[in-house]
């Protein structure tokens, strides 16, 4: 049987990690996982569903006794392992570089189009 206080502490820790690493807002773990959507791989989304199901079962004392502890522990470990590998600073830097790269590509295409237009009009 899982201790309710320990389980709730692990839930709060997971919520804090989701808030820190993925910048997910939400009052509950369910809201955070819903906001995460496809940012989490399929395996981690399943682990989140297992944890949410366990959270529902922990609200009922008789159901909490028959909860599969190993499955819940594996789900927590799986989510933490994935989230520990995420670097928020690196993600931010990658997003900025992708934005700048897209701008440079668009400007290069615009300049090429203008050069082609000028050549076609005989100005070059």
PDB file of N, CA and C in Angstrom:
ATOM      1  N   UNK A   1       0.836  -1.182   0.000  1.00  0.00           N
ATOM      2  CA  UNK A   1       0.000   0.000   0.000  1.00  0.00           C
ATOM      3  C   UNK A   1       0.879   1.244   0.000  1.00  0.00           C
ATOM      4  N   UNK A   2       0.485   2.235  -0.744  1.00  0.00           N
ATOM      5  CA  UNK A   2       1.225   3.494  -0.835  1.00  0.00           C
ATOM      6  C   UNK A   2       0.719   4.442   0.241  1.00  0.00           C
ATOM      7  N   UNK A   3       1.657   5.092   0.891  1.00  0.00           N
ATOM      8  CA  UNK A   3       1.299   6.096   1.882  1.00  0.00           C
ATOM      9  C   UNK A   3       0.762   7.335   1.151  1.00  0.00           C
ATOM     10  N   UNK A   4      -0.386   7.820   1.578  1.00  0.00           N
ATOM     11  CA  UNK A   4      -1.048   8.937   0.902  1.00  0.00           C
ATOM     12  C   UNK A   4      -0.199  10.200   0.948  1.00  0.00           C
ATOM     13  N   UNK A   5       0.410  10.476   2.074  1.00  0.00           N
ATOM     14  CA  UNK A   5       1.230  11.678   2.196  1.00  0.00           C
ATOM     15  C   UNK A   5       2.458  11.603   1.302  1.00  0.00           C
ATOM     16  N   UNK A   6       3.073  10.428   1.241  1.00  0.00           N
ATOM     17  CA  UNK A   6       4.243  10.248   0.375  1.00  0.00           C
ATOM     18  C   UNK A   6       3.845  10.419  -1.089  1.00  0.00           C
ATOM     19  N   UNK A   7       2.702   9.846  -1.458  1.00  0.00           N
ATOM     20  CA  UNK A   7       2.219   9.951  -2.835  1.00  0.00           C
ATOM     21  C   UNK A   7       1.947  11.414  -3.200  1.00  0.00           C
ATOM     22  N   UNK A   8       1.291  12.138  -2.307  1.00  0.00           N
ATOM     23  CA  UNK A   8       1.006  13.545  -2.568  1.00  0.00           C
ATOM     24  C   UNK A   8       2.285  14.374  -2.674  1.00  0.00           C
ATOM     25  N   UNK A   9       3.281  14.037  -1.867  1.00  0.00           N
ATOM     26  CA  UNK A   9       4.563  14.740  -1.935  1.00  0.00           C
ATOM     27  C   UNK A   9       5.234  14.475  -3.287  1.00  0.00           C
ATOM     28  N   UNK A  10       5.150  13.231  -3.765  1.00  0.00           N
ATOM     29  CA  UNK A  10       5.732  12.909  -5.068  1.00  0.00           C
ATOM     30  C   UNK A  10       4.986  13.629  -6.189  1.00  0.00           C
ATOM     31  N   UNK A  11       3.662  13.752  -6.045  1.00  0.00           N
ATOM     32  CA  UNK A  11       2.874  14.490  -7.037  1.00  0.00           C
ATOM     33  C   UNK A  11       3.290  15.955  -7.086  1.00  0.00           C
ATOM     34  N   UNK A  12       3.452  16.570  -5.925  1.00  0.00           N
ATOM     35  CA  UNK A  12       3.859  17.968  -5.874  1.00  0.00           C
ATOM     36  C   UNK A  12       5.253  18.155  -6.465  1.00  0.00           C
ATOM     37  N   UNK A  13       6.146  17.202  -6.196  1.00  0.00           N
ATOM     38  CA  UNK A  13       7.486  17.262  -6.779  1.00  0.00           C
ATOM     39  C   UNK A  13       7.447  17.154  -8.300  1.00  0.00           C
ATOM     40  N   UNK A  14       6.597  16.267  -8.798  1.00  0.00           N
ATOM     41  CA  UNK A  14       6.457  16.116 -10.248  1.00  0.00           C
ATOM     42  C   UNK A  14       5.878  17.379 -10.870  1.00  0.00           C
ATOM     43  N   UNK A  15       4.904  17.989 -10.205  1.00  0.00           N
ATOM     44  CA  UNK A  15       4.328  19.234 -10.710  1.00  0.00           C
ATOM     45  C   UNK A  15       5.388  20.342 -10.753  1.00  0.00           C
ATOM     46  N   UNK A  16       6.239  20.393  -9.736  1.00  0.00           N
ATOM     47  CA  UNK A  16       7.290  21.414  -9.702  1.00  0.00           C
ATOM     48  C   UNK A  16       8.284  21.201 -10.846  1.00  0.00           C
ATOM     49  N   UNK A  17       8.627  19.952 -11.111  1.00  0.00           N
ATOM     50  CA  UNK A  17       9.563  19.665 -12.206  1.00  0.00           C
ATOM     51  C   UNK A  17       8.930  20.013 -13.554  1.00  0.00           C
ATOM     52  N   UNK A  18       7.655  19.694 -13.736  1.00  0.00           N
ATOM     53  CA  UNK A  18       6.967  20.055 -14.986  1.00  0.00           C
ATOM     54  C   UNK A  18       6.918  21.578 -15.151  1.00  0.00           C
ATOM     55  N   UNK A  19       6.699  22.284 -14.059  1.00  0.00           N
ATOM     56  CA  UNK A  19       6.644  23.743 -14.106  1.00  0.00           C
ATOM     57  C   UNK A  19       8.019  24.315 -14.458  1.00  0.00           C
ATOM     58  N   UNK A  20       9.078  23.718 -13.907  1.00  0.00           N
ATOM     59  CA  UNK A  20      10.431  24.236 -14.104  1.00  0.00           C
ATOM     60  C   UNK A  20      10.986  23.871 -15.479  1.00  0.00           C
ATOM     61  N   UNK A  21      10.849  22.613 -15.868  1.00  0.00           N
ATOM     62  CA  UNK A  21      11.489  22.139 -17.101  1.00  0.00           C
ATOM     63  C   UNK A  21      10.705  22.469 -18.361  1.00  0.00           C
ATOM     64  N   UNK A  22       9.399  22.311 -18.322  1.00  0.00           N
ATOM     65  CA  UNK A  22       8.585  22.541 -19.515  1.00  0.00           C
ATOM     66  C   UNK A  22       7.787  23.838 -19.446  1.00  0.00           C
ATOM     67  N   UNK A  23       7.930  24.572 -18.344  1.00  0.00           N
ATOM     68  CA  UNK A  23       7.198  25.821 -18.123  1.00  0.00           C
ATOM     69  C   UNK A  23       5.695  25.621 -18.304  1.00  0.00           C
ATOM     70  N   UNK A  24       5.181  24.565 -17.688  1.00  0.00           N
ATOM     71  CA  UNK A  24       3.753  24.252 -17.768  1.00  0.00           C
ATOM     72  C   UNK A  24       3.042  24.821 -16.559  1.00  0.00           C
ATOM     73  N   UNK A  25       2.025  25.598 -16.843  1.00  0.00           N
ATOM     74  CA  UNK A  25       1.218  26.130 -15.752  1.00  0.00           C
ATOM     75  C   UNK A  25       0.007  25.234 -15.566  1.00  0.00           C
ATOM     76  N   UNK A  26      -0.533  25.280 -14.402  1.00  0.00           N
ATOM     77  CA  UNK A  26      -1.719  24.495 -14.096  1.00  0.00           C
ATOM     78  C   UNK A  26      -1.767  24.218 -12.611  1.00  0.00           C
ATOM     79  N   UNK A  27      -2.959  24.216 -12.088  1.00  0.00           N
ATOM     80  CA  UNK A  27      -3.101  23.994 -10.646  1.00  0.00           C
ATOM     81  C   UNK A  27      -2.950  22.527 -10.296  1.00  0.00           C
ATOM     82  N   UNK A  28      -3.338  21.654 -11.208  1.00  0.00           N
ATOM     83  CA  UNK A  28      -3.282  20.221 -10.932  1.00  0.00           C
ATOM     84  C   UNK A  28      -2.362  19.552 -11.943  1.00  0.00           C
ATOM     85  N   UNK A  29      -1.982  18.335 -11.610  1.00  0.00           N
ATOM     86  CA  UNK A  29      -1.148  17.551 -12.517  1.00  0.00           C
ATOM     87  C   UNK A  29      -1.912  17.258 -13.804  1.00  0.00           C
ATOM     88  N   UNK A  30      -3.202  17.035 -13.681  1.00  0.00           N
ATOM     89  CA  UNK A  30      -4.024  16.765 -14.857  1.00  0.00           C
ATOM     90  C   UNK A  30      -4.000  17.944 -15.827  1.00  0.00           C
ATOM     91  N   UNK A  31      -4.109  19.148 -15.304  1.00  0.00           N
ATOM     92  CA  UNK A  31      -4.082  20.347 -16.152  1.00  0.00           C
ATOM     93  C   UNK A  31      -2.716  20.512 -16.803  1.00  0.00           C
ATOM     94  N   UNK A  32      -1.658  20.245 -16.058  1.00  0.00           N
ATOM     95  CA  UNK A  32      -0.318  20.372 -16.618  1.00  0.00           C
ATOM     96  C   UNK A  32      -0.090  19.360 -17.734  1.00  0.00           C
ATOM     97  N   UNK A  33      -0.518  18.129 -17.515  1.00  0.00           N
ATOM     98  CA  UNK A  33      -0.332  17.110 -18.545  1.00  0.00           C
ATOM     99  C   UNK A  33      -1.185  17.406 -19.771  1.00  0.00           C
ATOM    100  N   UNK A  34      -2.339  17.976 -19.569  1.00  0.00           N
ATOM    101  CA  UNK A  34      -3.184  18.355 -20.698  1.00  0.00           C
ATOM    102  C   UNK A  34      -2.510  19.461 -21.502  1.00  0.00           C
ATOM    103  N   UNK A  35      -1.893  20.426 -20.820  1.00  0.00           N
ATOM    104  CA  UNK A  35      -1.182  21.506 -21.502  1.00  0.00           C
ATOM    105  C   UNK A  35       0.082  20.990 -22.198  1.00  0.00           C
ATOM    106  N   UNK A  36       0.691  19.959 -21.650  1.00  0.00           N
ATOM    107  CA  UNK A  36       1.910  19.417 -22.254  1.00  0.00           C
ATOM    108  C   UNK A  36       1.615  18.812 -23.612  1.00  0.00           C
ATOM    109  N   UNK A  37       0.508  18.114 -23.717  1.00  0.00           N
ATOM    110  CA  UNK A  37       0.103  17.545 -24.999  1.00  0.00           C
ATOM    111  C   UNK A  37       1.204  16.744 -25.650  1.00  0.00           C
ATOM    112  N   UNK A  38       1.556  17.116 -26.864  1.00  0.00           N
ATOM    113  CA  UNK A  38       2.552  16.375 -27.638  1.00  0.00           C
ATOM    114  C   UNK A  38       3.985  16.725 -27.275  1.00  0.00           C
ATOM    115  N   UNK A  39       4.169  17.643 -26.354  1.00  0.00           N
ATOM    116  CA  UNK A  39       5.535  17.948 -25.921  1.00  0.00           C
ATOM    117  C   UNK A  39       6.124  16.784 -25.135  1.00  0.00           C
ATOM    118  N   UNK A  40       5.262  15.930 -24.611  1.00  0.00           N
ATOM    119  CA  UNK A  40       5.711  14.709 -23.944  1.00  0.00           C
ATOM    120  C   UNK A  40       5.576  13.553 -24.919  1.00  0.00           C
ATOM    121  N   UNK A  41       6.583  12.673 -24.963  1.00  0.00           N
ATOM    122  CA  UNK A  41       6.455  11.487 -25.813  1.00  0.00           C
ATOM    123  C   UNK A  41       5.315  10.587 -25.340  1.00  0.00           C
ATOM    124  N   UNK A  42       4.914   9.679 -26.204  1.00  0.00           N
ATOM    125  CA  UNK A  42       3.766   8.811 -25.919  1.00  0.00           C
ATOM    126  C   UNK A  42       3.952   8.015 -24.625  1.00  0.00           C
ATOM    127  N   UNK A  43       5.149   7.519 -24.411  1.00  0.00           N
ATOM    128  CA  UNK A  43       5.412   6.718 -23.211  1.00  0.00           C
ATOM    129  C   UNK A  43       5.230   7.546 -21.943  1.00  0.00           C
ATOM    130  N   UNK A  44       5.679   8.792 -21.977  1.00  0.00           N
ATOM    131  CA  UNK A  44       5.534   9.654 -20.799  1.00  0.00           C
ATOM    132  C   UNK A  44       4.084  10.099 -20.613  1.00  0.00           C
ATOM    133  N   UNK A  45       3.341  10.245 -21.707  1.00  0.00           N
ATOM    134  CA  UNK A  45       1.911  10.560 -21.564  1.00  0.00           C
ATOM    135  C   UNK A  45       1.179   9.394 -20.904  1.00  0.00           C
ATOM    136  N   UNK A  46       1.569   8.166 -21.275  1.00  0.00           N
ATOM    137  CA  UNK A  46       0.959   6.992 -20.629  1.00  0.00           C
ATOM    138  C   UNK A  46       1.318   6.941 -19.150  1.00  0.00           C
ATOM    139  N   UNK A  47       2.569   7.261 -18.827  1.00  0.00           N
ATOM    140  CA  UNK A  47       2.991   7.278 -17.423  1.00  0.00           C
ATOM    141  C   UNK A  47       2.188   8.325 -16.651  1.00  0.00           C
ATOM    142  N   UNK A  48       1.948   9.460 -17.268  1.00  0.00           N
ATOM    143  CA  UNK A  48       1.125  10.483 -16.627  1.00  0.00           C
ATOM    144  C   UNK A  48      -0.295  10.007 -16.397  1.00  0.00           C
ATOM    145  N   UNK A  49      -0.830   9.248 -17.360  1.00  0.00           N
ATOM    146  CA  UNK A  49      -2.188   8.707 -17.192  1.00  0.00           C
ATOM    147  C   UNK A  49      -2.226   7.705 -16.049  1.00  0.00           C
ATOM    148  N   UNK A  50      -1.183   6.919 -15.900  1.00  0.00           N
ATOM    149  CA  UNK A  50      -1.112   5.958 -14.789  1.00  0.00           C
ATOM    150  C   UNK A  50      -1.101   6.698 -13.458  1.00  0.00           C
ATOM    151  N   UNK A  51      -0.319   7.772 -13.392  1.00  0.00           N
ATOM    152  CA  UNK A  51      -0.237   8.546 -12.148  1.00  0.00           C
ATOM    153  C   UNK A  51      -1.573   9.213 -11.846  1.00  0.00           C
ATOM    154  N   UNK A  52      -2.235   9.735 -12.874  1.00  0.00           N
ATOM    155  CA  UNK A  52      -3.550  10.350 -12.650  1.00  0.00           C
ATOM    156  C   UNK A  52      -4.571   9.315 -12.190  1.00  0.00           C
ATOM    157  N   UNK A  53      -4.509   8.114 -12.757  1.00  0.00           N
ATOM    158  CA  UNK A  53      -5.404   7.048 -12.309  1.00  0.00           C
ATOM    159  C   UNK A  53      -5.129   6.658 -10.868  1.00  0.00           C
ATOM    160  N   UNK A  54      -3.846   6.596 -10.523  1.00  0.00           N
ATOM    161  CA  UNK A  54      -3.475   6.279  -9.142  1.00  0.00           C
ATOM    162  C   UNK A  54      -3.935   7.376  -8.191  1.00  0.00           C
ATOM    163  N   UNK A  55      -3.903   8.614  -8.657  1.00  0.00           N
ATOM    164  CA  UNK A  55      -4.355   9.734  -7.830  1.00  0.00           C
ATOM    165  C   UNK A  55      -5.852   9.580  -7.518  1.00  0.00           C
ATOM    166  N   UNK A  56      -6.626   9.157  -8.507  1.00  0.00           N
ATOM    167  CA  UNK A  56      -8.052   8.919  -8.272  1.00  0.00           C
ATOM    168  C   UNK A  56      -8.264   7.783  -7.276  1.00  0.00           C
ATOM    169  N   UNK A  57      -7.475   6.727  -7.411  1.00  0.00           N
ATOM    170  CA  UNK A  57      -7.621   5.579  -6.519  1.00  0.00           C
ATOM    171  C   UNK A  57      -7.185   5.913  -5.096  1.00  0.00           C
ATOM    172  N   UNK A  58      -6.200   6.820  -4.963  1.00  0.00           N
ATOM    173  CA  UNK A  58      -5.710   7.169  -3.627  1.00  0.00           C
ATOM    174  C   UNK A  58      -6.771   7.931  -2.828  1.00  0.00           C
ATOM    175  N   UNK A  59      -7.765   8.474  -3.494  1.00  0.00           N
ATOM    176  CA  UNK A  59      -8.835   9.181  -2.797  1.00  0.00           C
ATOM    177  C   UNK A  59      -9.764   8.215  -2.063  1.00  0.00           C
ATOM    178  N   UNK A  60      -9.723   6.930  -2.432  1.00  0.00           N
ATOM    179  CA  UNK A  60     -10.566   5.920  -1.804  1.00  0.00           C
ATOM    180  C   UNK A  60      -9.671   4.935  -1.043  1.00  0.00           C
ATOM    181  N   UNK A  61      -9.834   4.848   0.262  1.00  0.00           N
ATOM    182  CA  UNK A  61      -8.940   4.008   1.071  1.00  0.00           C
ATOM    183  C   UNK A  61      -8.920   2.538   0.663  1.00  0.00           C
ATOM    184  N   UNK A  62     -10.069   1.976   0.291  1.00  0.00           N
ATOM    185  CA  UNK A  62     -10.094   0.555  -0.080  1.00  0.00           C
ATOM    186  C   UNK A  62      -9.417   0.320  -1.422  1.00  0.00           C
ATOM    187  N   UNK A  63      -9.597   1.244  -2.345  1.00  0.00           N
ATOM    188  CA  UNK A  63      -8.940   1.108  -3.642  1.00  0.00           C
ATOM    189  C   UNK A  63      -7.441   1.354  -3.530  1.00  0.00           C
ATOM    190  N   UNK A  64      -7.027   2.214  -2.614  1.00  0.00           N
ATOM    191  CA  UNK A  64      -5.603   2.521  -2.446  1.00  0.00           C
ATOM    192  C   UNK A  64      -4.825   1.287  -2.015  1.00  0.00           C
ATOM    193  N   UNK A  65      -5.479   0.380  -1.313  1.00  0.00           N
ATOM    194  CA  UNK A  65      -4.796  -0.832  -0.842  1.00  0.00           C
ATOM    195  C   UNK A  65      -4.478  -1.797  -1.971  1.00  0.00           C
ATOM    196  N   UNK A  66      -5.267  -1.776  -3.030  1.00  0.00           N
ATOM    197  CA  UNK A  66      -5.046  -2.728  -4.121  1.00  0.00           C
ATOM    198  C   UNK A  66      -4.308  -2.096  -5.307  1.00  0.00           C
ATOM    199  N   UNK A  67      -3.845  -0.879  -5.130  1.00  0.00           N
ATOM    200  CA  UNK A  67      -3.128  -0.174  -6.187  1.00  0.00           C
ATOM    201  C   UNK A  67      -1.769  -0.832  -6.417  1.00  0.00           C
ATOM    202  N   UNK A  68      -1.386  -0.993  -7.677  1.00  0.00           N
ATOM    203  CA  UNK A  68      -0.107  -1.603  -8.040  1.00  0.00           C
ATOM    204  C   UNK A  68       1.013  -0.578  -7.826  1.00  0.00           C
ATOM    205  N   UNK A  69       1.760  -0.765  -6.751  1.00  0.00           N
ATOM    206  CA  UNK A  69       2.804   0.180  -6.367  1.00  0.00           C
ATOM    207  C   UNK A  69       3.929   0.211  -7.393  1.00  0.00           C
ATOM    208  N   UNK A  70       4.308  -0.963  -7.902  1.00  0.00           N
ATOM    209  CA  UNK A  70       5.437  -1.013  -8.839  1.00  0.00           C
ATOM    210  C   UNK A  70       5.127  -0.256 -10.122  1.00  0.00           C
ATOM    211  N   UNK A  71       3.895  -0.347 -10.587  1.00  0.00           N
ATOM    212  CA  UNK A  71       3.510   0.354 -11.808  1.00  0.00           C
ATOM    213  C   UNK A  71       3.545   1.878 -11.594  1.00  0.00           C
ATOM    214  N   UNK A  72       3.087   2.321 -10.439  1.00  0.00           N
ATOM    215  CA  UNK A  72       3.095   3.755 -10.128  1.00  0.00           C
ATOM    216  C   UNK A  72       4.531   4.253  -9.976  1.00  0.00           C
ATOM    217  N   UNK A  73       5.370   3.480  -9.286  1.00  0.00           N
ATOM    218  CA  UNK A  73       6.773   3.868  -9.120  1.00  0.00           C
ATOM    219  C   UNK A  73       7.488   3.932 -10.462  1.00  0.00           C
ATOM    220  N   UNK A  74       7.199   2.983 -11.344  1.00  0.00           N
ATOM    221  CA  UNK A  74       7.794   2.981 -12.679  1.00  0.00           C
ATOM    222  C   UNK A  74       7.347   4.211 -13.461  1.00  0.00           C
ATOM    223  N   UNK A  75       6.084   4.585 -13.340  1.00  0.00           N
ATOM    224  CA  UNK A  75       5.568   5.759 -14.043  1.00  0.00           C
ATOM    225  C   UNK A  75       6.256   7.035 -13.539  1.00  0.00           C
ATOM    226  N   UNK A  76       6.401   7.157 -12.219  1.00  0.00           N
ATOM    227  CA  UNK A  76       7.094   8.323 -11.673  1.00  0.00           C
ATOM    228  C   UNK A  76       8.547   8.358 -12.154  1.00  0.00           C
ATOM    229  N   UNK A  77       9.225   7.214 -12.097  1.00  0.00           N
ATOM    230  CA  UNK A  77      10.625   7.153 -12.513  1.00  0.00           C
ATOM    231  C   UNK A  77      10.775   7.488 -13.998  1.00  0.00           C
ATOM    232  N   UNK A  78       9.855   6.992 -14.813  1.00  0.00           N
ATOM    233  CA  UNK A  78       9.910   7.238 -16.252  1.00  0.00           C
ATOM    234  C   UNK A  78       9.745   8.722 -16.560  1.00  0.00           C
ATOM    235  N   UNK A  79       8.763   9.349 -15.931  1.00  0.00           N
ATOM    236  CA  UNK A  79       8.552  10.782 -16.158  1.00  0.00           C
ATOM    237  C   UNK A  79       9.734  11.612 -15.663  1.00  0.00           C
ATOM    238  N   UNK A  80      10.259  11.281 -14.495  1.00  0.00           N
ATOM    239  CA  UNK A  80      11.398  12.026 -13.960  1.00  0.00           C
ATOM    240  C   UNK A  80      12.631  11.841 -14.834  1.00  0.00           C
ATOM    241  N   UNK A  81      12.854  10.632 -15.332  1.00  0.00           N
ATOM    242  CA  UNK A  81      14.017  10.385 -16.189  1.00  0.00           C
ATOM    243  C   UNK A  81      13.947  11.228 -17.458  1.00  0.00           C
ATOM    244  N   UNK A  82      12.766  11.332 -18.033  1.00  0.00           N
ATOM    245  CA  UNK A  82      12.617  12.150 -19.236  1.00  0.00           C
ATOM    246  C   UNK A  82      12.791  13.632 -18.922  1.00  0.00           C
ATOM    247  N   UNK A  83      12.158  14.085 -17.853  1.00  0.00           N
ATOM    248  CA  UNK A  83      12.201  15.508 -17.524  1.00  0.00           C
ATOM    249  C   UNK A  83      13.587  15.962 -17.067  1.00  0.00           C
ATOM    250  N   UNK A  84      14.362  15.055 -16.460  1.00  0.00           N
ATOM    251  CA  UNK A  84      15.711  15.419 -16.028  1.00  0.00           C
ATOM    252  C   UNK A  84      16.633  15.662 -17.221  1.00  0.00           C
ATOM    253  N   UNK A  85      16.306  15.077 -18.369  1.00  0.00           N
ATOM    254  CA  UNK A  85      17.128  15.255 -19.561  1.00  0.00           C
ATOM    255  C   UNK A  85      16.818  16.526 -20.336  1.00  0.00           C
ATOM    256  N   UNK A  86      15.833  17.281 -19.900  1.00  0.00           N
ATOM    257  CA  UNK A  86      15.443  18.507 -20.600  1.00  0.00           C
ATOM    258  C   UNK A  86      16.159  19.691 -19.973  1.00  0.00           C
ATOM    259  N   UNK A  87      16.772  20.511 -20.830  1.00  0.00           N
ATOM    260  CA  UNK A  87      17.438  21.726 -20.372  1.00  0.00           C
ATOM    261  C   UNK A  87      16.647  22.930 -20.882  1.00  0.00           C
ATOM    262  N   UNK A  88      15.960  23.656 -19.990  1.00  0.00           N
ATOM    263  CA  UNK A  88      15.129  24.779 -20.441  1.00  0.00           C
ATOM    264  C   UNK A  88      15.924  25.866 -21.166  1.00  0.00           C
ATOM    265  N   UNK A  89      17.154  26.121 -20.729  1.00  0.00           N
ATOM    266  CA  UNK A  89      17.973  27.143 -21.382  1.00  0.00           C
ATOM    267  C   UNK A  89      18.306  26.727 -22.811  1.00  0.00           C
ATOM    268  N   UNK A  90      18.642  25.473 -22.989  1.00  0.00           N
ATOM    269  CA  UNK A  90      18.958  24.968 -24.326  1.00  0.00           C
ATOM    270  C   UNK A  90      17.726  25.016 -25.230  1.00  0.00           C
ATOM    271  N   UNK A  91      16.560  24.694 -24.684  1.00  0.00           N
ATOM    272  CA  UNK A  91      15.323  24.757 -25.466  1.00  0.00           C
ATOM    273  C   UNK A  91      15.022  26.186 -25.908  1.00  0.00           C
ATOM    274  N   UNK A  92      15.229  27.140 -25.016  1.00  0.00           N
ATOM    275  CA  UNK A  92      15.007  28.544 -25.344  1.00  0.00           C
ATOM    276  C   UNK A  92      15.968  28.999 -26.439  1.00  0.00           C
ATOM    277  N   UNK A  93      17.246  28.610 -26.290  1.00  0.00           N
ATOM    278  CA  UNK A  93      18.256  28.991 -27.274  1.00  0.00           C
ATOM    279  C   UNK A  93      17.933  28.376 -28.638  1.00  0.00           C
ATOM    280  N   UNK A  94      17.499  27.129 -28.652  1.00  0.00           N
ATOM    281  CA  UNK A  94      17.132  26.461 -29.901  1.00  0.00           C
ATOM    282  C   UNK A  94      15.952  27.154 -30.568  1.00  0.00           C
ATOM    283  N   UNK A  95      14.960  27.548 -29.785  1.00  0.00           N
ATOM    284  CA  UNK A  95      13.793  28.245 -30.345  1.00  0.00           C
ATOM    285  C   UNK A  95      14.189  29.580 -30.968  1.00  0.00           C
ATOM    286  N   UNK A  96      15.069  30.317 -30.310  1.00  0.00           N
ATOM    287  CA  UNK A  96      15.514  31.606 -30.847  1.00  0.00           C
ATOM    288  C   UNK A  96      16.312  31.405 -32.131  1.00  0.00           C
ATOM    289  N   UNK A  97      17.202  30.407 -32.142  1.00  0.00           N
ATOM    290  CA  UNK A  97      17.996  30.145 -33.349  1.00  0.00           C
ATOM    291  C   UNK A  97      17.114  29.704 -34.517  1.00  0.00           C
ATOM    292  N   UNK A  98      16.090  28.912 -34.243  1.00  0.00           N
ATOM    293  CA  UNK A  98      15.169  28.503 -35.308  1.00  0.00           C
ATOM    294  C   UNK A  98      14.412  29.712 -35.869  1.00  0.00           C
ATOM    295  N   UNK A  99      13.996  30.604 -34.993  1.00  0.00           N
ATOM    296  CA  UNK A  99      13.295  31.808 -35.434  1.00  0.00           C
ATOM    297  C   UNK A  99      14.206  32.662 -36.309  1.00  0.00           C
ATOM    298  N   UNK A 100      15.433  32.894 -35.849  1.00  0.00           N
ATOM    299  CA  UNK A 100      16.371  33.699 -36.625  1.00  0.00           C
ATOM    300  C   UNK A 100      16.734  33.024 -37.946  1.00  0.00           C
ATOM    301  N   UNK A 101      16.896  31.721 -37.931  1.00  0.00           N
ATOM    302  CA  UNK A 101      17.196  30.989 -39.166  1.00  0.00           C
ATOM    303  C   UNK A 101      16.070  31.115 -40.177  1.00  0.00           C
ATOM    304  N   UNK A 102      14.841  31.050 -39.715  1.00  0.00           N
ATOM    305  CA  UNK A 102      13.695  31.218 -40.601  1.00  0.00           C
ATOM    306  C   UNK A 102      13.655  32.611 -41.198  1.00  0.00           C
ATOM    307  N   UNK A 103      13.977  33.615 -40.382  1.00  0.00           N
ATOM    308  CA  UNK A 103      13.999  34.996 -40.887  1.00  0.00           C
ATOM    309  C   UNK A 103      15.074  35.178 -41.946  1.00  0.00           C
ATOM    310  N   UNK A 104      16.257  34.636 -41.692  1.00  0.00           N
ATOM    311  CA  UNK A 104      17.358  34.751 -42.651  1.00  0.00           C
ATOM    312  C   UNK A 104      16.987  34.052 -43.957  1.00  0.00           C
ATOM    313  N   UNK A 105      16.387  32.890 -43.871  1.00  0.00           N
ATOM    314  CA  UNK A 105      15.975  32.176 -45.081  1.00  0.00           C
ATOM    315  C   UNK A 105      14.951  32.982 -45.869  1.00  0.00           C
ATOM    316  N   UNK A 106      13.963  33.553 -45.197  1.00  0.00           N
ATOM    317  CA  UNK A 106      12.958  34.368 -45.874  1.00  0.00           C
ATOM    318  C   UNK A 106      13.576  35.598 -46.530  1.00  0.00           C
ATOM    319  N   UNK A 107      14.518  36.238 -45.842  1.00  0.00           N
ATOM    320  CA  UNK A 107      15.181  37.404 -46.435  1.00  0.00           C
ATOM    321  C   UNK A 107      16.021  37.010 -47.648  1.00  0.00           C
ATOM    322  N   UNK A 108      16.696  35.867 -47.582  1.00  0.00           N
ATOM    323  CA  UNK A 108      17.482  35.401 -48.724  1.00  0.00           C
ATOM    324  C   UNK A 108      16.575  35.088 -49.911  1.00  0.00           C
ATOM    325  N   UNK A 109      15.430  34.467 -49.660  1.00  0.00           N
ATOM    326  CA  UNK A 109      14.487  34.188 -50.749  1.00  0.00           C
ATOM    327  C   UNK A 109      13.925  35.478 -51.333  1.00  0.00           C
ATOM    328  N   UNK A 110      13.645  36.457 -50.497  1.00  0.00           N
ATOM    329  CA  UNK A 110      13.155  37.744 -50.974  1.00  0.00           C
ATOM    330  C   UNK A 110      14.204  38.437 -51.844  1.00  0.00           C
ATOM    331  N   UNK A 111      15.451  38.443 -51.370  1.00  0.00           N
ATOM    332  CA  UNK A 111      16.531  39.067 -52.148  1.00  0.00           C
ATOM    333  C   UNK A 111      16.711  38.340 -53.478  1.00  0.00           C
ATOM    334  N   UNK A 112      16.664  37.014 -53.474  1.00  0.00           N
ATOM    335  CA  UNK A 112      16.775  36.254 -54.719  1.00  0.00           C
ATOM    336  C   UNK A 112      15.623  36.560 -55.663  1.00  0.00           C
ATOM    337  N   UNK A 113      14.428  36.684 -55.122  1.00  0.00           N
ATOM    338  CA  UNK A 113      13.263  37.023 -55.946  1.00  0.00           C
ATOM    339  C   UNK A 113      13.391  38.409 -56.555  1.00  0.00           C
ATOM    340  N   UNK A 114      13.884  39.362 -55.773  1.00  0.00           N
ATOM    341  CA  UNK A 114      14.092  40.718 -56.292  1.00  0.00           C
ATOM    342  C   UNK A 114      15.160  40.745 -57.381  1.00  0.00           C
ATOM    343  N   UNK A 115      16.234  39.998 -57.177  1.00  0.00           N
ATOM    344  CA  UNK A 115      17.288  39.921 -58.195  1.00  0.00           C
ATOM    345  C   UNK A 115      16.746  39.306 -59.480  1.00  0.00           C
ATOM    346  N   UNK A 116      15.946  38.266 -59.358  1.00  0.00           N
ATOM    347  CA  UNK A 116      15.346  37.625 -60.530  1.00  0.00           C
ATOM    348  C   UNK A 116      14.391  38.578 -61.238  1.00  0.00           C
ATOM    349  N   UNK A 117      13.615  39.332 -60.489  1.00  0.00           N
ATOM    350  CA  UNK A 117      12.692  40.300 -61.074  1.00  0.00           C
ATOM    351  C   UNK A 117      13.452  41.401 -61.814  1.00  0.00           C
ATOM    352  N   UNK A 118      14.521  41.916 -61.180  1.00  0.00           N
ATOM    353  CA  UNK A 118      15.322  42.954 -61.826  1.00  0.00           C
ATOM    354  C   UNK A 118      15.994  42.426 -63.092  1.00  0.00           C
ATOM    355  N   UNK A 119      16.483  41.225 -63.057  1.00  0.00           N
ATOM    356  CA  UNK A 119      17.114  40.614 -64.242  1.00  0.00           C
ATOM    357  C   UNK A 119      16.094  40.430 -65.350  1.00  0.00           C
ATOM    358  N   UNK A 120      14.893  40.003 -64.986  1.00  0.00           N
ATOM    359  CA  UNK A 120      13.831  39.778 -65.972  1.00  0.00           C
ATOM    360  C   UNK A 120      13.375  41.079 -66.624  1.00  0.00           C
ATOM    361  N   UNK A 121      13.386  42.172 -65.845  1.00  0.00           N
ATOM    362  CA  UNK A 121      12.985  43.481 -66.361  1.00  0.00           C
ATOM    363  C   UNK A 121      14.113  44.162 -67.142  1.00  0.00           C
ATOM    364  N   UNK A 122      15.306  43.591 -67.066  1.00  0.00           N
ATOM    365  CA  UNK A 122      16.444  44.136 -67.811  1.00  0.00           C
ATOM    366  C   UNK A 122      17.196  45.218 -67.074  1.00  0.00           C
ATOM    367  N   UNK A 123      16.943  45.367 -65.788  1.00  0.00           N
ATOM    368  CA  UNK A 123      17.616  46.375 -65.007  1.00  0.00           C
ATOM    369  C   UNK A 123      19.006  45.931 -64.585  1.00  0.00           C
ATOM    370  N   UNK A 124      19.271  44.659 -64.655  1.00  0.00           N
ATOM    371  CA  UNK A 124      20.608  44.162 -64.279  1.00  0.00           C
ATOM    372  C   UNK A 124      21.412  43.741 -65.466  1.00  0.00           C
TER     373      UNK A 124
END
